[in-house]
Protein backbone atom coordinates (compact mmCIF):
# COMPACT_ATOMS: atom_id res chain seq x y z
CA MET A 1 0.00 0.00 0.00
CA ASN A 2 3.01 2.33 0.34
CA ASP A 3 3.05 3.25 -3.36
CA LEU A 4 -0.66 4.10 -3.49
CA VAL A 5 -2.02 7.63 -3.62
CA GLN A 6 -3.20 8.89 -0.24
CA PHE A 7 -6.36 10.95 0.30
CA THR A 8 -7.43 13.28 3.10
CA LEU A 9 -11.15 12.83 3.71
CA GLU A 10 -11.81 13.87 7.30
CA GLY A 11 -15.43 14.93 7.72
CA LYS A 12 -16.61 13.07 4.62
CA CYS A 13 -19.04 10.13 4.70
CA ALA A 14 -19.55 7.27 2.24
CA LEU A 15 -21.80 4.30 1.60
CA VAL A 16 -20.23 1.31 -0.18
CA THR A 17 -22.52 -1.52 -1.30
CA GLY A 18 -21.06 -4.99 -1.63
CA GLY A 19 -18.35 -3.73 0.68
CA ALA A 20 -17.37 -6.90 2.56
CA SER A 21 -15.12 -8.43 -0.10
CA GLY A 22 -13.07 -7.78 -3.22
CA ILE A 23 -13.12 -4.32 -4.77
CA GLY A 24 -15.75 -3.13 -2.31
CA LYS A 25 -13.66 -4.14 0.70
CA ALA A 26 -10.54 -2.47 -0.71
CA THR A 27 -12.57 0.70 -1.34
CA VAL A 28 -13.93 0.68 2.21
CA GLU A 29 -10.43 0.27 3.61
CA LEU A 30 -8.95 3.07 1.52
CA LEU A 31 -11.79 5.45 2.38
CA ALA A 32 -11.56 4.62 6.09
CA LYS A 33 -7.76 4.96 6.19
CA SER A 34 -8.17 8.34 4.50
CA GLY A 35 -10.36 9.59 7.35
CA CYS A 36 -13.76 9.05 5.73
CA ALA A 37 -16.61 7.60 7.80
CA VAL A 38 -17.98 4.59 5.92
CA ALA A 39 -21.27 2.70 6.03
CA ILE A 40 -20.56 -0.79 4.72
CA ASN A 41 -23.32 -2.72 3.00
CA ASP A 42 -23.45 -6.40 2.20
CA LEU A 43 -26.06 -9.11 2.51
CA SER A 44 -27.55 -9.62 5.95
CA LEU A 45 -25.89 -12.16 8.23
CA ASP A 46 -22.70 -12.22 6.12
CA ALA A 47 -19.90 -13.00 8.56
CA ARG A 48 -17.43 -11.08 6.40
CA LEU A 49 -19.35 -7.85 7.00
CA THR A 50 -19.26 -8.18 10.78
CA LYS A 51 -15.59 -9.17 10.70
CA LEU A 52 -14.61 -6.19 8.55
CA VAL A 53 -16.48 -3.69 10.74
CA ASP A 54 -14.84 -5.15 13.85
CA GLN A 55 -11.36 -5.07 12.31
CA LEU A 56 -11.59 -1.48 11.09
CA SER A 57 -13.25 -0.25 14.28
CA LYS A 58 -10.41 -1.70 16.37
CA LEU A 59 -7.99 0.29 14.23
CA GLY A 60 -9.85 3.46 15.14
CA HIS A 61 -11.67 3.95 11.84
CA LYS A 62 -15.22 5.27 11.67
CA VAL A 63 -17.26 2.46 10.11
CA CYS A 64 -20.66 0.87 10.57
CA ALA A 65 -22.68 -1.95 9.00
CA VAL A 66 -25.85 -1.39 6.96
CA PRO A 67 -26.77 -4.90 5.77
CA GLY A 68 -29.45 -5.58 3.19
CA ASP A 69 -30.23 -6.68 -0.36
CA VAL A 70 -29.85 -3.80 -2.84
CA SER A 71 -32.06 -5.56 -5.39
CA ASN A 72 -35.16 -4.98 -3.28
CA LYS A 73 -36.50 -1.40 -3.41
CA GLN A 74 -37.65 -1.31 0.20
CA SER A 75 -34.39 -2.84 1.40
CA ALA A 76 -32.41 -0.33 -0.68
CA ASN A 77 -34.34 2.55 0.88
CA ARG A 78 -33.61 1.16 4.33
CA ILE A 79 -29.90 0.71 3.59
CA VAL A 80 -29.55 4.35 2.57
CA SER A 81 -31.64 5.73 5.44
CA ASP A 82 -29.68 3.63 7.95
CA ALA A 83 -26.41 4.87 6.48
CA ILE A 84 -27.47 8.51 6.72
CA ASP A 85 -28.82 8.04 10.25
CA LYS A 86 -25.54 6.48 11.41
CA LEU A 87 -23.18 8.79 9.52
CA GLY A 88 -25.11 12.06 9.75
CA ARG A 89 -24.59 12.90 6.07
CA LEU A 90 -23.60 11.28 2.76
CA ASP A 91 -20.94 12.57 0.37
CA TYR A 92 -20.01 9.48 -1.64
CA LEU A 93 -22.03 6.51 -2.88
CA VAL A 94 -20.16 3.54 -4.32
CA ASN A 95 -22.54 1.12 -6.06
CA ASN A 96 -20.32 -1.95 -6.00
CA ALA A 97 -22.74 -4.78 -5.17
CA GLY A 98 -23.11 -7.25 -8.01
CA THR A 99 -23.53 -10.93 -8.77
CA PRO A 100 -22.58 -13.35 -11.57
CA ASN A 101 -25.32 -15.68 -10.26
CA THR A 102 -23.21 -18.65 -11.38
CA ALA A 103 -20.17 -20.48 -10.04
CA SER A 104 -18.71 -21.12 -13.50
CA VAL A 105 -18.71 -19.32 -16.83
CA ILE A 106 -21.78 -19.89 -19.00
CA PRO A 107 -20.92 -19.83 -22.73
CA ALA A 108 -22.83 -17.21 -24.70
CA SER A 109 -24.16 -20.03 -26.91
CA ASP A 110 -25.85 -21.79 -23.98
CA LEU A 111 -29.08 -19.82 -24.02
CA ASP A 112 -31.02 -22.50 -22.16
CA ALA A 113 -28.83 -22.04 -19.07
CA MET A 114 -30.22 -18.54 -18.59
CA ASP A 115 -33.85 -18.94 -17.63
CA GLU A 116 -36.27 -16.29 -16.36
CA ASN A 117 -35.12 -16.63 -12.74
CA PHE A 118 -31.47 -16.28 -13.75
CA TRP A 119 -32.14 -13.10 -15.71
CA GLU A 120 -34.31 -11.67 -12.95
CA ARG A 121 -31.61 -12.08 -10.31
CA ILE A 122 -28.83 -10.70 -12.54
CA LEU A 123 -30.81 -7.60 -13.54
CA SER A 124 -32.30 -6.94 -10.12
CA VAL A 125 -28.88 -6.90 -8.41
CA ASN A 126 -26.58 -5.52 -11.12
CA LEU A 127 -28.85 -2.93 -12.73
CA LEU A 128 -31.94 -2.18 -10.66
CA GLY A 129 -29.99 -2.30 -7.38
CA PRO A 130 -27.73 0.63 -8.26
CA PHE A 131 -30.79 2.59 -9.40
CA TRP A 132 -32.75 1.96 -6.19
CA ILE A 133 -29.76 2.91 -4.04
CA ALA A 134 -28.94 6.03 -6.08
CA ARG A 135 -32.56 7.14 -6.07
CA ALA A 136 -32.78 6.77 -2.31
CA ALA A 137 -29.50 8.68 -1.82
CA ALA A 138 -30.10 11.43 -4.39
CA ASN A 139 -31.53 14.14 -2.13
CA GLU A 140 -28.79 13.75 0.47
CA LEU A 141 -26.08 13.72 -2.19
CA LYS A 142 -27.52 16.91 -3.68
CA LYS A 143 -27.21 18.59 -0.27
CA THR A 144 -23.53 17.69 -0.01
CA ARG A 145 -22.81 18.10 -3.75
CA GLY A 146 -21.54 14.56 -3.62
CA CYS A 147 -20.96 11.86 -6.17
CA VAL A 148 -21.78 8.32 -7.22
CA VAL A 149 -19.35 5.73 -8.59
CA ASN A 150 -20.69 2.52 -10.14
CA THR A 151 -18.64 -0.66 -10.53
CA ILE A 152 -19.30 -1.88 -14.07
CA SER A 153 -17.10 -4.36 -16.03
CA VAL A 154 -14.99 -4.58 -19.18
CA SER A 155 -17.55 -7.16 -20.33
CA ALA A 156 -19.97 -4.27 -20.86
CA TYR A 157 -17.73 -3.21 -23.76
CA HIS A 158 -15.94 -6.36 -24.91
CA GLY A 159 -18.42 -9.11 -24.04
CA GLY A 160 -17.48 -12.26 -22.19
CA GLY A 161 -17.68 -12.18 -18.42
CA SER A 162 -19.50 -14.85 -16.47
CA SER A 163 -22.47 -14.98 -18.85
CA LEU A 164 -24.31 -13.20 -21.63
CA ALA A 165 -26.81 -11.93 -19.04
CA TYR A 166 -24.04 -10.54 -16.82
CA SER A 167 -22.50 -8.60 -19.72
CA VAL A 168 -25.89 -7.20 -20.69
CA SER A 169 -26.59 -6.10 -17.10
CA LYS A 170 -23.27 -4.26 -16.99
CA SER A 171 -23.96 -2.65 -20.38
CA GLY A 172 -27.20 -1.40 -18.86
CA LEU A 173 -25.29 -0.04 -15.87
CA THR A 174 -23.10 1.93 -18.27
CA GLY A 175 -26.22 3.57 -19.65
CA LEU A 176 -27.59 4.14 -16.16
CA THR A 177 -24.35 5.87 -15.18
CA ARG A 178 -24.68 8.29 -18.09
CA GLU A 179 -28.37 9.00 -17.52
CA LEU A 180 -28.00 9.47 -13.76
CA ALA A 181 -25.21 11.94 -14.49
CA ARG A 182 -27.67 13.89 -16.65
CA GLY A 183 -30.50 13.58 -14.15
CA LEU A 184 -28.55 14.55 -11.03
CA ALA A 185 -26.46 17.34 -12.56
CA PRO A 186 -25.23 19.87 -11.66
CA ASP A 187 -25.27 18.95 -7.97
CA VAL A 188 -24.10 15.33 -8.13
CA ARG A 189 -21.43 13.75 -10.32
CA VAL A 190 -21.97 10.15 -11.47
CA ASN A 191 -19.18 8.02 -12.94
CA GLY A 192 -18.12 4.39 -13.14
CA ILE A 193 -15.14 2.12 -13.47
CA ALA A 194 -14.92 -0.93 -15.72
CA PRO A 195 -12.67 -3.49 -13.98
CA GLY A 196 -10.83 -6.16 -15.89
CA LEU A 197 -9.34 -9.23 -14.21
CA VAL A 198 -9.55 -9.06 -10.41
CA ASP A 199 -7.59 -11.05 -7.85
CA SER A 200 -10.42 -11.61 -5.37
CA ASP A 201 -12.82 -14.25 -4.06
CA TRP A 202 -15.38 -13.64 -6.79
CA GLN A 203 -18.31 -16.02 -6.87
CA CYS A 204 -17.51 -17.22 -10.40
CA GLU A 205 -14.43 -19.29 -11.26
CA PHE A 206 -12.59 -18.13 -14.39
CA GLY A 207 -9.74 -20.63 -14.45
CA ASP A 208 -6.08 -19.62 -14.68
CA VAL A 209 -6.42 -15.84 -14.80
CA GLU A 210 -2.71 -15.32 -14.21
CA ARG A 211 -1.91 -17.21 -17.40
CA TYR A 212 -4.64 -15.33 -19.26
CA ALA A 213 -3.21 -12.01 -18.11
CA LYS A 214 0.27 -12.94 -19.32
CA GLN A 215 -1.13 -13.68 -22.78
CA HIS A 216 -3.85 -11.06 -23.23
CA VAL A 217 -3.27 -8.11 -20.89
CA PRO A 218 -0.57 -5.59 -21.94
CA LEU A 219 0.53 -5.03 -18.33
CA GLN A 220 0.61 -8.85 -17.92
CA THR A 221 -0.83 -8.83 -14.41
CA VAL A 222 -4.17 -9.45 -12.73
CA GLY A 223 -5.59 -6.35 -11.08
CA GLN A 224 -5.59 -6.21 -7.28
CA PRO A 225 -8.68 -4.88 -5.48
CA GLU A 226 -6.57 -1.93 -4.28
CA ASP A 227 -5.86 -0.92 -7.89
CA TYR A 228 -9.57 -0.48 -8.51
CA ALA A 229 -10.22 1.18 -5.16
CA GLN A 230 -7.70 3.90 -6.03
CA THR A 231 -9.66 4.90 -9.13
CA ILE A 232 -13.00 4.73 -7.33
CA VAL A 233 -11.83 7.02 -4.53
CA TYR A 234 -10.25 9.43 -7.01
CA LEU A 235 -13.54 9.68 -8.91
CA CYS A 236 -15.27 10.38 -5.60
CA THR A 237 -12.88 13.04 -4.39
CA GLY A 238 -10.70 14.53 -7.10
CA ALA A 239 -12.47 14.33 -10.43
CA LYS A 240 -14.39 17.58 -10.08
CA TYR A 241 -14.99 18.08 -13.82
CA ILE A 242 -15.75 14.47 -14.73
CA THR A 243 -19.29 13.12 -14.87
CA GLY A 244 -21.12 10.55 -16.97
CA GLU A 245 -17.89 8.71 -17.75
CA VAL A 246 -16.70 5.14 -17.24
CA VAL A 247 -12.98 4.68 -16.64
CA MET A 248 -11.51 1.45 -18.00
CA VAL A 249 -9.24 -0.08 -15.33
CA ALA A 250 -8.02 -3.27 -16.95
CA GLY A 251 -4.28 -3.18 -17.48
CA GLY A 252 -4.80 -2.38 -21.15
CA MET A 253 -7.14 -5.30 -21.84
CA GLY A 254 -9.02 -4.67 -25.06
CA ILE A 255 -6.64 -2.18 -26.69
């Protein structure tokens, strides 16, 4: 972490969804270490959420848990209201919660593997969830002239990913990012990042990603959660004239 950019965020408050693991966890840690108070969301009764809050609290960081399922409108409203009640304000919203809804990659040709229930879960978490959360947080973010950052995916642009449905949901989130930027301007900035390969405990197994990176990624490495967190926090805090954009963070994948 010594070579990473440091931020000074005392007095700022953030909500990070899907914050108990992977990119979300790294974002929570960077925000907290920078002095930001953070409400951490993940699914209810997830032991990782409780463990993370305990660990960061013992280090003296200002964090709290706001568990719940972002895909449910009422739950999303409750997550945001709980976060504001506990933090006192909201400056940054990181919509990071997402699901592949499969433990292994589904080929794009296997249309029968993606039934109505599969599509419903993918879209409700990956696309509707960020909308419900952003809608619930909009008024508070307008008061603080805050910002939203959505975690998208390179699959929104290049295809692939865990399934056809997953890529489509992330393409939709790209459009949502742009339209929220239009709808919440000029008070709130809305941007996104499109992660490539990630070294984390993702729910879907992609095989030998290290080998893939050596062959297909110009920087020849798999991205660490901290690499993505750096860009997310920068978009929250330093990108004052950037809105409606998605930053590709993929080691050059796709060029």
